[in-house]
Protein backbone atom coordinates (compact mmCIF):
# COMPACT_ATOMS: atom_id res chain seq x y z
CA MET A 1 129.56 -74.49 -35.09
CA PRO A 2 126.31 -74.87 -37.05
CA THR A 3 124.58 -71.55 -37.65
CA ARG A 4 121.08 -73.00 -37.80
CA PHE A 5 120.99 -72.99 -34.00
CA LEU A 6 121.82 -69.28 -33.89
CA THR A 7 119.10 -68.13 -36.25
CA ARG A 8 116.42 -68.39 -33.59
CA PRO A 9 118.14 -68.14 -30.22
CA LEU A 10 115.81 -68.67 -27.32
CA ALA A 11 112.81 -69.02 -29.63
CA PHE A 12 111.22 -71.26 -27.03
CA LEU A 13 111.02 -68.27 -24.65
CA ARG A 14 108.71 -66.22 -26.86
CA PRO A 15 105.45 -65.11 -25.23
CA GLY A 16 102.89 -67.87 -25.26
CA THR A 17 105.40 -70.70 -25.05
CA LEU A 18 107.38 -72.38 -22.29
CA ALA A 19 108.26 -69.14 -20.54
CA HIS A 20 104.59 -68.65 -19.61
CA MET A 21 103.89 -72.27 -18.70
CA PRO A 22 104.23 -71.89 -14.90
CA HIS A 23 101.80 -68.95 -14.94
CA ARG A 24 99.34 -70.88 -17.09
CA LEU A 25 99.52 -73.95 -14.85
CA LEU A 26 98.93 -71.87 -11.74
CA ALA A 27 96.00 -70.09 -13.39
CA ALA A 28 94.46 -73.41 -14.47
CA ALA A 29 94.86 -74.75 -10.92
CA ALA A 30 93.15 -71.66 -9.48
CA ILE A 31 90.26 -72.01 -11.92
CA ALA A 32 89.92 -75.70 -11.05
CA ARG A 33 89.80 -74.85 -7.32
CA SER A 34 87.18 -72.15 -7.91
CA ARG A 35 85.02 -74.49 -9.94
CA HIS A 36 85.38 -77.21 -7.31
CA SER A 37 84.23 -74.76 -4.65
CA LEU A 38 81.32 -73.65 -6.82
CA ARG A 39 80.13 -77.24 -7.07
CA HIS A 40 79.87 -77.45 -3.28
CA LEU A 41 77.94 -74.24 -2.57
CA ASP A 42 74.46 -74.73 -1.18
CA ASP A 43 71.37 -73.37 -2.94
CA ARG A 44 71.15 -70.31 -0.66
CA LEU A 45 74.70 -69.24 -1.51
CA LEU A 46 74.15 -69.92 -5.20
CA ALA A 47 71.05 -67.70 -5.08
CA ASP A 48 73.18 -64.96 -3.47
CA ILE A 49 75.50 -64.93 -6.48
CA GLY A 50 72.65 -65.28 -8.96
CA LEU A 51 73.21 -68.85 -10.14
CA THR A 52 70.98 -71.88 -10.27
CA ARG A 53 72.22 -75.32 -9.27
CA ALA A 54 72.21 -76.34 -12.97
CA GLU A 55 74.31 -73.30 -13.96
CA ALA A 56 76.78 -73.96 -11.16
CA LEU A 57 77.17 -77.61 -12.09
CA SER A 58 77.55 -76.72 -15.76
CA GLU A 59 80.36 -74.28 -14.92
CA ALA A 60 81.97 -76.76 -12.51
CA GLU A 61 82.15 -79.40 -15.26
CA ARG A 62 84.19 -77.18 -17.60
CA ALA A 63 87.89 -77.93 -18.05
CA PRO A 64 90.38 -75.70 -16.21
CA TRP A 65 91.81 -74.38 -19.48
CA ASP A 66 88.31 -73.50 -20.75
CA ALA A 67 88.02 -70.04 -19.24
CA PRO A 68 87.07 -66.63 -20.63
CA ALA A 69 89.97 -64.43 -21.67
CA HIS A 70 89.21 -61.83 -18.98
CA TRP A 71 89.76 -64.51 -16.30
CA LYS A 72 93.20 -65.28 -17.64
CA GLY A 73 94.51 -61.73 -17.29
């Protein structure tokens, strides 16, 4: 049996790789839903949370994976 396969057993399960993919996909989907909802708020609701229409649209246009670290947990 070749030993090269045993030198890094389960290397693909290290943090930040495939083991965390489901969590990352779910987080990206949640961010996408939040940004979609933000796009559809009316001006009164945007004023309540302290955003202008331009700021809301700018945030809504960002990619789901483009989120601050503190959002990702």
